[in-house]
Amino acid sequence: MRVLTVDALVVCAHELGRVGLVHSQSFVTVEGRPVLVRADPEGRPIGGCPNIGPTIKPCTSTLAVQQGYSTWVTVEGRPVCLDSLRGLTDGTPPGTVKYKVNAPGQTLVTEAG
């Protein structure tokens, strides 16, 4: 599994909704780009979700991560994010629309499990 950087492409299940990632640490980088750690992908805005309609709420924010934090690698005690990252969005129907990683933002660093 690849480690995520701030340049990762994380999208909602509708594929066009892109998560606005922000890094909380700058100590560890890959090719000069900060690695994401626990909580970085949570509560982030999602822009461009096409799931729109009269009774449909588009994905506008990420909720808690359900999987994708390393159990081996940490930065300042916080697990790094991996390309297996998954969680729910606030889109409709509630509790069913997930976000996922389409590209990790780097191709050099992996975690061997």
PDB file of N, CA and C in Angstrom:
ATOM      1  N   MET A   1       0.836  -1.177   0.000  1.00  0.00           N
ATOM      2  CA  MET A   1       0.000   0.000   0.000  1.00  0.00           C
ATOM      3  C   MET A   1       0.884   1.245   0.000  1.00  0.00           C
ATOM      4  N   ARG A   2       0.510   2.213  -0.772  1.00  0.00           N
ATOM      5  CA  ARG A   2       1.283   3.448  -0.883  1.00  0.00           C
ATOM      6  C   ARG A   2       0.853   4.453   0.193  1.00  0.00           C
ATOM      7  N   VAL A   3       1.826   5.224   0.644  1.00  0.00           N
ATOM      8  CA  VAL A   3       1.586   6.294   1.609  1.00  0.00           C
ATOM      9  C   VAL A   3       1.009   7.491   0.857  1.00  0.00           C
ATOM     10  N   LEU A   4       0.033   8.179   1.454  1.00  0.00           N
ATOM     11  CA  LEU A   4      -0.589   9.342   0.813  1.00  0.00           C
ATOM     12  C   LEU A   4       0.160  10.629   1.129  1.00  0.00           C
ATOM     13  N   THR A   5       0.270  11.484   0.129  1.00  0.00           N
ATOM     14  CA  THR A   5       0.770  12.841   0.348  1.00  0.00           C
ATOM     15  C   THR A   5      -0.373  13.813   0.151  1.00  0.00           C
ATOM     16  N   VAL A   6      -0.103  15.066   0.417  1.00  0.00           N
ATOM     17  CA  VAL A   6      -1.107  16.115   0.256  1.00  0.00           C
ATOM     18  C   VAL A   6      -1.581  16.219  -1.200  1.00  0.00           C
ATOM     19  N   ASP A   7      -0.819  15.653  -2.136  1.00  0.00           N
ATOM     20  CA  ASP A   7      -1.190  15.666  -3.553  1.00  0.00           C
ATOM     21  C   ASP A   7      -2.081  14.495  -3.958  1.00  0.00           C
ATOM     22  N   ALA A   8      -2.474  13.656  -3.019  1.00  0.00           N
ATOM     23  CA  ALA A   8      -3.314  12.499  -3.336  1.00  0.00           C
ATOM     24  C   ALA A   8      -4.638  12.957  -3.948  1.00  0.00           C
ATOM     25  N   LEU A   9      -5.177  12.118  -4.810  1.00  0.00           N
ATOM     26  CA  LEU A   9      -6.493  12.369  -5.392  1.00  0.00           C
ATOM     27  C   LEU A   9      -7.490  11.494  -4.654  1.00  0.00           C
ATOM     28  N   VAL A  10      -8.263  12.128  -3.781  1.00  0.00           N
ATOM     29  CA  VAL A  10      -9.297  11.444  -3.009  1.00  0.00           C
ATOM     30  C   VAL A  10     -10.633  11.976  -3.509  1.00  0.00           C
ATOM     31  N   VAL A  11     -11.532  11.057  -3.866  1.00  0.00           N
ATOM     32  CA  VAL A  11     -12.802  11.441  -4.480  1.00  0.00           C
ATOM     33  C   VAL A  11     -13.965  10.755  -3.781  1.00  0.00           C
ATOM     34  N   CYS A  12     -15.157  11.340  -3.944  1.00  0.00           N
ATOM     35  CA  CYS A  12     -16.370  10.672  -3.471  1.00  0.00           C
ATOM     36  C   CYS A  12     -16.712   9.564  -4.459  1.00  0.00           C
ATOM     37  N   ALA A  13     -17.635   8.709  -4.094  1.00  0.00           N
ATOM     38  CA  ALA A  13     -18.016   7.570  -4.934  1.00  0.00           C
ATOM     39  C   ALA A  13     -18.575   7.996  -6.285  1.00  0.00           C
ATOM     40  N   HIS A  14     -18.973   9.238  -6.420  1.00  0.00           N
ATOM     41  CA  HIS A  14     -19.503   9.740  -7.690  1.00  0.00           C
ATOM     42  C   HIS A  14     -18.383  10.159  -8.645  1.00  0.00           C
ATOM     43  N   GLU A  15     -17.141   9.971  -8.214  1.00  0.00           N
ATOM     44  CA  GLU A  15     -15.905  10.156  -8.982  1.00  0.00           C
ATOM     45  C   GLU A  15     -15.518  11.609  -9.294  1.00  0.00           C
ATOM     46  N   LEU A  16     -16.456  12.510  -9.445  1.00  0.00           N
ATOM     47  CA  LEU A  16     -16.107  13.886  -9.799  1.00  0.00           C
ATOM     48  C   LEU A  16     -15.912  14.780  -8.580  1.00  0.00           C
ATOM     49  N   GLY A  17     -16.401  14.342  -7.433  1.00  0.00           N
ATOM     50  CA  GLY A  17     -16.246  15.115  -6.204  1.00  0.00           C
ATOM     51  C   GLY A  17     -14.860  14.932  -5.630  1.00  0.00           C
ATOM     52  N   ARG A  18     -14.081  15.997  -5.624  1.00  0.00           N
ATOM     53  CA  ARG A  18     -12.687  15.922  -5.165  1.00  0.00           C
ATOM     54  C   ARG A  18     -12.550  16.472  -3.744  1.00  0.00           C
ATOM     55  N   VAL A  19     -11.840  15.722  -2.905  1.00  0.00           N
ATOM     56  CA  VAL A  19     -11.627  16.112  -1.511  1.00  0.00           C
ATOM     57  C   VAL A  19     -10.469  17.111  -1.441  1.00  0.00           C
ATOM     58  N   GLY A  20     -10.697  18.220  -0.755  1.00  0.00           N
ATOM     59  CA  GLY A  20      -9.660  19.233  -0.545  1.00  0.00           C
ATOM     60  C   GLY A  20      -8.792  18.856   0.637  1.00  0.00           C
ATOM     61  N   LEU A  21      -7.669  18.227   0.368  1.00  0.00           N
ATOM     62  CA  LEU A  21      -6.785  17.742   1.432  1.00  0.00           C
ATOM     63  C   LEU A  21      -5.893  18.842   1.980  1.00  0.00           C
ATOM     64  N   VAL A  22      -5.645  18.765   3.279  1.00  0.00           N
ATOM     65  CA  VAL A  22      -4.743  19.687   3.970  1.00  0.00           C
ATOM     66  C   VAL A  22      -3.881  18.840   4.904  1.00  0.00           C
ATOM     67  N   HIS A  23      -2.590  19.117   4.937  1.00  0.00           N
ATOM     68  CA  HIS A  23      -1.691  18.358   5.803  1.00  0.00           C
ATOM     69  C   HIS A  23      -1.539  19.056   7.144  1.00  0.00           C
ATOM     70  N   SER A  24      -1.354  18.247   8.196  1.00  0.00           N
ATOM     71  CA  SER A  24      -1.197  18.808   9.541  1.00  0.00           C
ATOM     72  C   SER A  24       0.241  18.703  10.044  1.00  0.00           C
ATOM     73  N   GLN A  25       1.113  18.097   9.254  1.00  0.00           N
ATOM     74  CA  GLN A  25       2.518  17.993   9.629  1.00  0.00           C
ATOM     75  C   GLN A  25       3.360  18.225   8.382  1.00  0.00           C
ATOM     76  N   SER A  26       4.560  18.749   8.582  1.00  0.00           N
ATOM     77  CA  SER A  26       5.474  19.007   7.464  1.00  0.00           C
ATOM     78  C   SER A  26       6.829  18.332   7.668  1.00  0.00           C
ATOM     79  N   PHE A  27       6.951  17.588   8.756  1.00  0.00           N
ATOM     80  CA  PHE A  27       8.221  16.964   9.118  1.00  0.00           C
ATOM     81  C   PHE A  27       8.616  15.850   8.147  1.00  0.00           C
ATOM     82  N   VAL A  28       7.649  14.994   7.778  1.00  0.00           N
ATOM     83  CA  VAL A  28       7.913  13.874   6.885  1.00  0.00           C
ATOM     84  C   VAL A  28       7.306  14.173   5.521  1.00  0.00           C
ATOM     85  N   THR A  29       8.156  14.076   4.482  1.00  0.00           N
ATOM     86  CA  THR A  29       7.704  14.354   3.125  1.00  0.00           C
ATOM     87  C   THR A  29       8.174  13.257   2.178  1.00  0.00           C
ATOM     88  N   VAL A  30       7.530  13.186   1.028  1.00  0.00           N
ATOM     89  CA  VAL A  30       7.973  12.337  -0.074  1.00  0.00           C
ATOM     90  C   VAL A  30       8.114  13.263  -1.269  1.00  0.00           C
ATOM     91  N   GLU A  31       9.291  13.325  -1.822  1.00  0.00           N
ATOM     92  CA  GLU A  31       9.594  14.238  -2.930  1.00  0.00           C
ATOM     93  C   GLU A  31       9.183  15.677  -2.594  1.00  0.00           C
ATOM     94  N   GLY A  32       9.387  16.047  -1.331  1.00  0.00           N
ATOM     95  CA  GLY A  32       9.102  17.408  -0.896  1.00  0.00           C
ATOM     96  C   GLY A  32       7.648  17.706  -0.579  1.00  0.00           C
ATOM     97  N   ARG A  33       6.774  16.706  -0.682  1.00  0.00           N
ATOM     98  CA  ARG A  33       5.352  16.901  -0.421  1.00  0.00           C
ATOM     99  C   ARG A  33       4.980  16.234   0.895  1.00  0.00           C
ATOM    100  N   PRO A  34       4.290  16.933   1.804  1.00  0.00           N
ATOM    101  CA  PRO A  34       3.963  16.380   3.116  1.00  0.00           C
ATOM    102  C   PRO A  34       3.100  15.119   3.054  1.00  0.00           C
ATOM    103  N   VAL A  35       3.424  14.168   3.928  1.00  0.00           N
ATOM    104  CA  VAL A  35       2.664  12.934   4.079  1.00  0.00           C
ATOM    105  C   VAL A  35       1.440  13.240   4.945  1.00  0.00           C
ATOM    106  N   LEU A  36       0.302  12.628   4.599  1.00  0.00           N
ATOM    107  CA  LEU A  36      -0.918  12.786   5.391  1.00  0.00           C
ATOM    108  C   LEU A  36      -0.910  11.815   6.561  1.00  0.00           C
ATOM    109  N   VAL A  37      -1.432  12.269   7.704  1.00  0.00           N
ATOM    110  CA  VAL A  37      -1.509  11.452   8.908  1.00  0.00           C
ATOM    111  C   VAL A  37      -2.941  11.454   9.434  1.00  0.00           C
ATOM    112  N   ARG A  38      -3.164  10.637  10.484  1.00  0.00           N
ATOM    113  CA  ARG A  38      -4.513  10.489  11.048  1.00  0.00           C
ATOM    114  C   ARG A  38      -5.204  11.846  11.244  1.00  0.00           C
ATOM    115  N   ALA A  39      -6.447  11.879  10.842  1.00  0.00           N
ATOM    116  CA  ALA A  39      -7.375  13.013  10.913  1.00  0.00           C
ATOM    117  C   ALA A  39      -7.223  14.015   9.762  1.00  0.00           C
ATOM    118  N   ASP A  40      -6.112  13.965   9.002  1.00  0.00           N
ATOM    119  CA  ASP A  40      -5.975  14.899   7.878  1.00  0.00           C
ATOM    120  C   ASP A  40      -7.113  14.772   6.858  1.00  0.00           C
ATOM    121  N   PRO A  41      -7.594  13.557   6.519  1.00  0.00           N
ATOM    122  CA  PRO A  41      -8.670  13.462   5.517  1.00  0.00           C
ATOM    123  C   PRO A  41     -10.081  13.661   6.079  1.00  0.00           C
ATOM    124  N   GLU A  42     -10.205  13.827   7.379  1.00  0.00           N
ATOM    125  CA  GLU A  42     -11.533  13.908   7.995  1.00  0.00           C
ATOM    126  C   GLU A  42     -12.033  15.349   8.079  1.00  0.00           C
ATOM    127  N   GLY A  43     -13.314  15.536   7.797  1.00  0.00           N
ATOM    128  CA  GLY A  43     -13.920  16.862   7.876  1.00  0.00           C
ATOM    129  C   GLY A  43     -13.441  17.802   6.784  1.00  0.00           C
ATOM    130  N   ARG A  44     -13.004  17.265   5.662  1.00  0.00           N
ATOM    131  CA  ARG A  44     -12.503  18.076   4.546  1.00  0.00           C
ATOM    132  C   ARG A  44     -13.606  18.335   3.532  1.00  0.00           C
ATOM    133  N   PRO A  45     -13.531  19.473   2.862  1.00  0.00           N
ATOM    134  CA  PRO A  45     -14.555  19.802   1.861  1.00  0.00           C
ATOM    135  C   PRO A  45     -14.427  18.926   0.614  1.00  0.00           C
ATOM    136  N   ILE A  46     -15.556  18.664  -0.001  1.00  0.00           N
ATOM    137  CA  ILE A  46     -15.601  17.950  -1.275  1.00  0.00           C
ATOM    138  C   ILE A  46     -16.220  18.900  -2.288  1.00  0.00           C
ATOM    139  N   GLY A  47     -15.512  19.147  -3.367  1.00  0.00           N
ATOM    140  CA  GLY A  47     -16.014  20.038  -4.409  1.00  0.00           C
ATOM    141  C   GLY A  47     -16.274  19.285  -5.696  1.00  0.00           C
ATOM    142  N   GLY A  48     -17.353  19.646  -6.391  1.00  0.00           N
ATOM    143  CA  GLY A  48     -17.635  19.093  -7.710  1.00  0.00           C
ATOM    144  C   GLY A  48     -18.455  17.823  -7.742  1.00  0.00           C
ATOM    145  N   CYS A  49     -19.053  17.422  -6.632  1.00  0.00           N
ATOM    146  CA  CYS A  49     -19.873  16.208  -6.644  1.00  0.00           C
ATOM    147  C   CYS A  49     -21.098  16.439  -7.539  1.00  0.00           C
ATOM    148  N   PRO A  50     -21.334  15.537  -8.520  1.00  0.00           N
ATOM    149  CA  PRO A  50     -22.448  15.705  -9.441  1.00  0.00           C
ATOM    150  C   PRO A  50     -23.774  15.143  -8.932  1.00  0.00           C
ATOM    151  N   ASN A  51     -23.799  14.595  -7.736  1.00  0.00           N
ATOM    152  CA  ASN A  51     -25.006  13.968  -7.188  1.00  0.00           C
ATOM    153  C   ASN A  51     -25.971  15.053  -6.696  1.00  0.00           C
ATOM    154  N   ILE A  52     -26.707  15.644  -7.640  1.00  0.00           N
ATOM    155  CA  ILE A  52     -27.567  16.787  -7.322  1.00  0.00           C
ATOM    156  C   ILE A  52     -28.987  16.520  -7.814  1.00  0.00           C
ATOM    157  N   GLY A  53     -29.949  16.921  -7.026  1.00  0.00           N
ATOM    158  CA  GLY A  53     -31.349  16.765  -7.407  1.00  0.00           C
ATOM    159  C   GLY A  53     -32.246  17.373  -6.345  1.00  0.00           C
ATOM    160  N   PRO A  54     -33.569  17.388  -6.588  1.00  0.00           N
ATOM    161  CA  PRO A  54     -34.500  18.031  -5.652  1.00  0.00           C
ATOM    162  C   PRO A  54     -34.433  17.484  -4.228  1.00  0.00           C
ATOM    163  N   THR A  55     -34.274  16.187  -4.065  1.00  0.00           N
ATOM    164  CA  THR A  55     -34.216  15.599  -2.718  1.00  0.00           C
ATOM    165  C   THR A  55     -32.870  14.930  -2.460  1.00  0.00           C
ATOM    166  N   ILE A  56     -31.881  15.298  -3.256  1.00  0.00           N
ATOM    167  CA  ILE A  56     -30.559  14.677  -3.154  1.00  0.00           C
ATOM    168  C   ILE A  56     -29.530  15.709  -2.702  1.00  0.00           C
ATOM    169  N   LYS A  57     -28.766  15.348  -1.687  1.00  0.00           N
ATOM    170  CA  LYS A  57     -27.698  16.220  -1.205  1.00  0.00           C
ATOM    171  C   LYS A  57     -26.381  15.731  -1.786  1.00  0.00           C
ATOM    172  N   PRO A  58     -25.649  16.593  -2.485  1.00  0.00           N
ATOM    173  CA  PRO A  58     -24.340  16.182  -2.995  1.00  0.00           C
ATOM    174  C   PRO A  58     -23.345  15.999  -1.850  1.00  0.00           C
ATOM    175  N   CYS A  59     -22.282  15.293  -2.125  1.00  0.00           N
ATOM    176  CA  CYS A  59     -21.202  15.122  -1.146  1.00  0.00           C
ATOM    177  C   CYS A  59     -20.478  16.464  -1.006  1.00  0.00           C
ATOM    178  N   THR A  60     -20.428  16.996   0.204  1.00  0.00           N
ATOM    179  CA  THR A  60     -19.747  18.270   0.438  1.00  0.00           C
ATOM    180  C   THR A  60     -18.667  18.182   1.503  1.00  0.00           C
ATOM    181  N   SER A  61     -18.611  17.042   2.226  1.00  0.00           N
ATOM    182  CA  SER A  61     -17.641  16.915   3.305  1.00  0.00           C
ATOM    183  C   SER A  61     -17.346  15.445   3.588  1.00  0.00           C
ATOM    184  N   THR A  62     -16.098  15.177   4.009  1.00  0.00           N
ATOM    185  CA  THR A  62     -15.738  13.825   4.428  1.00  0.00           C
ATOM    186  C   THR A  62     -16.080  13.638   5.898  1.00  0.00           C
ATOM    187  N   LEU A  63     -16.441  12.417   6.251  1.00  0.00           N
ATOM    188  CA  LEU A  63     -16.677  12.059   7.643  1.00  0.00           C
ATOM    189  C   LEU A  63     -15.466  11.234   8.116  1.00  0.00           C
ATOM    190  N   ALA A  64     -15.594  10.542   9.216  1.00  0.00           N
ATOM    191  CA  ALA A  64     -14.470   9.793   9.797  1.00  0.00           C
ATOM    192  C   ALA A  64     -13.944   8.724   8.848  1.00  0.00           C
ATOM    193  N   VAL A  65     -12.654   8.491   8.907  1.00  0.00           N
ATOM    194  CA  VAL A  65     -12.016   7.426   8.134  1.00  0.00           C
ATOM    195  C   VAL A  65     -12.444   6.091   8.730  1.00  0.00           C
ATOM    196  N   GLN A  66     -12.826   5.142   7.862  1.00  0.00           N
ATOM    197  CA  GLN A  66     -13.211   3.804   8.308  1.00  0.00           C
ATOM    198  C   GLN A  66     -12.061   2.811   8.181  1.00  0.00           C
ATOM    199  N   GLN A  67     -11.179   3.039   7.219  1.00  0.00           N
ATOM    200  CA  GLN A  67      -9.991   2.205   7.043  1.00  0.00           C
ATOM    201  C   GLN A  67      -8.947   3.003   6.292  1.00  0.00           C
ATOM    202  N   GLY A  68      -7.693   2.577   6.410  1.00  0.00           N
ATOM    203  CA  GLY A  68      -6.631   3.214   5.641  1.00  0.00           C
ATOM    204  C   GLY A  68      -5.581   3.940   6.452  1.00  0.00           C
ATOM    205  N   TYR A  69      -5.592   3.768   7.776  1.00  0.00           N
ATOM    206  CA  TYR A  69      -4.502   4.293   8.591  1.00  0.00           C
ATOM    207  C   TYR A  69      -3.507   3.160   8.826  1.00  0.00           C
ATOM    208  N   SER A  70      -2.229   3.452   8.716  1.00  0.00           N
ATOM    209  CA  SER A  70      -1.190   2.451   8.922  1.00  0.00           C
ATOM    210  C   SER A  70      -1.186   1.942  10.358  1.00  0.00           C
ATOM    211  N   THR A  71      -0.909   0.662  10.505  1.00  0.00           N
ATOM    212  CA  THR A  71      -0.717   0.091  11.840  1.00  0.00           C
ATOM    213  C   THR A  71       0.767  -0.041  12.158  1.00  0.00           C
ATOM    214  N   TRP A  72       1.629   0.323  11.196  1.00  0.00           N
ATOM    215  CA  TRP A  72       3.077   0.185  11.362  1.00  0.00           C
ATOM    216  C   TRP A  72       3.820   1.507  11.387  1.00  0.00           C
ATOM    217  N   VAL A  73       3.416   2.448  10.549  1.00  0.00           N
ATOM    218  CA  VAL A  73       4.193   3.677  10.365  1.00  0.00           C
ATOM    219  C   VAL A  73       3.448   4.869  10.958  1.00  0.00           C
ATOM    220  N   THR A  74       4.151   5.631  11.806  1.00  0.00           N
ATOM    221  CA  THR A  74       3.552   6.821  12.409  1.00  0.00           C
ATOM    222  C   THR A  74       4.487   8.015  12.261  1.00  0.00           C
ATOM    223  N   VAL A  75       3.911   9.188  12.352  1.00  0.00           N
ATOM    224  CA  VAL A  75       4.659  10.449  12.400  1.00  0.00           C
ATOM    225  C   VAL A  75       4.176  11.165  13.650  1.00  0.00           C
ATOM    226  N   GLU A  76       5.078  11.407  14.567  1.00  0.00           N
ATOM    227  CA  GLU A  76       4.740  12.034  15.845  1.00  0.00           C
ATOM    228  C   GLU A  76       3.564  11.318  16.525  1.00  0.00           C
ATOM    229  N   GLY A  77       3.566   9.990  16.454  1.00  0.00           N
ATOM    230  CA  GLY A  77       2.543   9.179  17.111  1.00  0.00           C
ATOM    231  C   GLY A  77       1.242   9.029  16.344  1.00  0.00           C
ATOM    232  N   ARG A  78       1.129   9.649  15.178  1.00  0.00           N
ATOM    233  CA  ARG A  78      -0.103   9.539  14.386  1.00  0.00           C
ATOM    234  C   ARG A  78       0.147   8.673  13.155  1.00  0.00           C
ATOM    235  N   PRO A  79      -0.710   7.683  12.914  1.00  0.00           N
ATOM    236  CA  PRO A  79      -0.523   6.805  11.769  1.00  0.00           C
ATOM    237  C   PRO A  79      -0.590   7.567  10.445  1.00  0.00           C
ATOM    238  N   VAL A  80       0.241   7.152   9.488  1.00  0.00           N
ATOM    239  CA  VAL A  80       0.170   7.752   8.156  1.00  0.00           C
ATOM    240  C   VAL A  80      -1.037   7.188   7.419  1.00  0.00           C
ATOM    241  N   CYS A  81      -1.512   7.919   6.424  1.00  0.00           N
ATOM    242  CA  CYS A  81      -2.633   7.491   5.592  1.00  0.00           C
ATOM    243  C   CYS A  81      -2.102   6.662   4.427  1.00  0.00           C
ATOM    244  N   LEU A  82      -2.854   5.625   4.091  1.00  0.00           N
ATOM    245  CA  LEU A  82      -2.481   4.725   3.000  1.00  0.00           C
ATOM    246  C   LEU A  82      -3.509   4.799   1.874  1.00  0.00           C
ATOM    247  N   ASP A  83      -3.142   4.260   0.712  1.00  0.00           N
ATOM    248  CA  ASP A  83      -4.053   4.342  -0.425  1.00  0.00           C
ATOM    249  C   ASP A  83      -5.266   3.418  -0.306  1.00  0.00           C
ATOM    250  N   SER A  84      -5.379   2.686   0.791  1.00  0.00           N
ATOM    251  CA  SER A  84      -6.582   1.897   1.088  1.00  0.00           C
ATOM    252  C   SER A  84      -7.623   2.729   1.834  1.00  0.00           C
ATOM    253  N   LEU A  85      -7.361   4.023   1.985  1.00  0.00           N
ATOM    254  CA  LEU A  85      -8.228   4.938   2.737  1.00  0.00           C
ATOM    255  C   LEU A  85      -9.666   4.895   2.227  1.00  0.00           C
ATOM    256  N   ARG A  86     -10.612   4.755   3.159  1.00  0.00           N
ATOM    257  CA  ARG A  86     -12.045   4.765   2.850  1.00  0.00           C
ATOM    258  C   ARG A  86     -12.789   5.384   4.024  1.00  0.00           C
ATOM    259  N   GLY A  87     -13.898   6.031   3.713  1.00  0.00           N
ATOM    260  CA  GLY A  87     -14.770   6.587   4.742  1.00  0.00           C
ATOM    261  C   GLY A  87     -16.043   7.064   4.089  1.00  0.00           C
ATOM    262  N   LEU A  88     -16.963   7.557   4.889  1.00  0.00           N
ATOM    263  CA  LEU A  88     -18.237   8.048   4.378  1.00  0.00           C
ATOM    264  C   LEU A  88     -18.187   9.550   4.120  1.00  0.00           C
ATOM    265  N   THR A  89     -19.069   9.994   3.227  1.00  0.00           N
ATOM    266  CA  THR A  89     -19.273  11.420   2.997  1.00  0.00           C
ATOM    267  C   THR A  89     -20.609  11.809   3.619  1.00  0.00           C
ATOM    268  N   ASP A  90     -20.938  13.087   3.548  1.00  0.00           N
ATOM    269  CA  ASP A  90     -22.224  13.559   4.048  1.00  0.00           C
ATOM    270  C   ASP A  90     -23.301  13.567   2.960  1.00  0.00           C
ATOM    271  N   GLY A  91     -23.025  12.948   1.817  1.00  0.00           N
ATOM    272  CA  GLY A  91     -23.988  12.902   0.709  1.00  0.00           C
ATOM    273  C   GLY A  91     -25.135  11.937   0.971  1.00  0.00           C
ATOM    274  N   THR A  92     -26.147  11.998   0.107  1.00  0.00           N
ATOM    275  CA  THR A  92     -27.305  11.111   0.245  1.00  0.00           C
ATOM    276  C   THR A  92     -27.203   9.942  -0.708  1.00  0.00           C
ATOM    277  N   PRO A  93     -27.795   8.805  -0.332  1.00  0.00           N
ATOM    278  CA  PRO A  93     -28.450   8.543   0.941  1.00  0.00           C
ATOM    279  C   PRO A  93     -27.440   8.455   2.088  1.00  0.00           C
ATOM    280  N   PRO A  94     -27.821   8.968   3.255  1.00  0.00           N
ATOM    281  CA  PRO A  94     -26.894   9.013   4.395  1.00  0.00           C
ATOM    282  C   PRO A  94     -26.352   7.633   4.755  1.00  0.00           C
ATOM    283  N   GLY A  95     -25.078   7.603   5.096  1.00  0.00           N
ATOM    284  CA  GLY A  95     -24.460   6.365   5.549  1.00  0.00           C
ATOM    285  C   GLY A  95     -24.112   5.378   4.455  1.00  0.00           C
ATOM    286  N   THR A  96     -24.160   5.811   3.197  1.00  0.00           N
ATOM    287  CA  THR A  96     -23.869   4.877   2.102  1.00  0.00           C
ATOM    288  C   THR A  96     -22.819   5.372   1.119  1.00  0.00           C
ATOM    289  N   VAL A  97     -22.646   6.678   0.982  1.00  0.00           N
ATOM    290  CA  VAL A  97     -21.724   7.212  -0.023  1.00  0.00           C
ATOM    291  C   VAL A  97     -20.327   7.342   0.583  1.00  0.00           C
ATOM    292  N   LYS A  98     -19.372   6.691  -0.048  1.00  0.00           N
ATOM    293  CA  LYS A  98     -18.007   6.667   0.485  1.00  0.00           C
ATOM    294  C   LYS A  98     -17.062   7.549  -0.324  1.00  0.00           C
ATOM    295  N   TYR A  99     -15.925   7.851   0.289  1.00  0.00           N
ATOM    296  CA  TYR A  99     -14.816   8.468  -0.438  1.00  0.00           C
ATOM    297  C   TYR A  99     -13.687   7.448  -0.507  1.00  0.00           C
ATOM    298  N   LYS A 100     -12.804   7.627  -1.499  1.00  0.00           N
ATOM    299  CA  LYS A 100     -11.735   6.667  -1.743  1.00  0.00           C
ATOM    300  C   LYS A 100     -10.561   7.363  -2.401  1.00  0.00           C
ATOM    301  N   VAL A 101      -9.462   6.658  -2.495  1.00  0.00           N
ATOM    302  CA  VAL A 101      -8.246   7.187  -3.116  1.00  0.00           C
ATOM    303  C   VAL A 101      -8.175   6.715  -4.564  1.00  0.00           C
ATOM    304  N   ASN A 102      -8.042   7.653  -5.489  1.00  0.00           N
ATOM    305  CA  ASN A 102      -7.807   7.306  -6.892  1.00  0.00           C
ATOM    306  C   ASN A 102      -6.326   7.360  -7.244  1.00  0.00           C
ATOM    307  N   ALA A 103      -5.559   8.176  -6.529  1.00  0.00           N
ATOM    308  CA  ALA A 103      -4.109   8.271  -6.741  1.00  0.00           C
ATOM    309  C   ALA A 103      -3.472   8.733  -5.429  1.00  0.00           C
ATOM    310  N   PRO A 104      -2.364   8.089  -5.001  1.00  0.00           N
ATOM    311  CA  PRO A 104      -1.771   8.396  -3.702  1.00  0.00           C
ATOM    312  C   PRO A 104      -0.959   9.688  -3.634  1.00  0.00           C
ATOM    313  N   GLY A 105      -0.668  10.296  -4.773  1.00  0.00           N
ATOM    314  CA  GLY A 105       0.126  11.525  -4.757  1.00  0.00           C
ATOM    315  C   GLY A 105       1.626  11.294  -4.849  1.00  0.00           C
ATOM    316  N   GLN A 106       2.032  10.011  -4.847  1.00  0.00           N
ATOM    317  CA  GLN A 106       3.448   9.656  -4.992  1.00  0.00           C
ATOM    318  C   GLN A 106       3.519   8.172  -5.322  1.00  0.00           C
ATOM    319  N   THR A 107       4.653   7.745  -5.890  1.00  0.00           N
ATOM    320  CA  THR A 107       4.800   6.326  -6.261  1.00  0.00           C
ATOM    321  C   THR A 107       6.055   5.686  -5.667  1.00  0.00           C
ATOM    322  N   LEU A 108       6.723   6.371  -4.761  1.00  0.00           N
ATOM    323  CA  LEU A 108       7.980   5.854  -4.219  1.00  0.00           C
ATOM    324  C   LEU A 108       7.857   5.072  -2.926  1.00  0.00           C
ATOM    325  N   VAL A 109       7.008   5.521  -2.000  1.00  0.00           N
ATOM    326  CA  VAL A 109       6.993   4.968  -0.649  1.00  0.00           C
ATOM    327  C   VAL A 109       5.755   4.092  -0.428  1.00  0.00           C
ATOM    328  N   THR A 110       6.032   2.855   0.006  1.00  0.00           N
ATOM    329  CA  THR A 110       4.960   1.915   0.310  1.00  0.00           C
ATOM    330  C   THR A 110       5.123   1.382   1.724  1.00  0.00           C
ATOM    331  N   GLU A 111       4.050   0.832   2.251  1.00  0.00           N
ATOM    332  CA  GLU A 111       4.104   0.135   3.527  1.00  0.00           C
ATOM    333  C   GLU A 111       3.921  -1.334   3.219  1.00  0.00           C
ATOM    334  N   ALA A 112       4.865  -2.151   3.597  1.00  0.00           N
ATOM    335  CA  ALA A 112       4.741  -3.598   3.414  1.00  0.00           C
ATOM    336  C   ALA A 112       4.000  -4.155   4.632  1.00  0.00           C
ATOM    337  N   GLY A 113       2.935  -4.876   4.386  1.00  0.00           N
ATOM    338  CA  GLY A 113       2.093  -5.354   5.473  1.00  0.00           C
ATOM    339  C   GLY A 113       2.272  -6.742   5.852  1.00  0.00           C
TER     340      GLY A 113
END
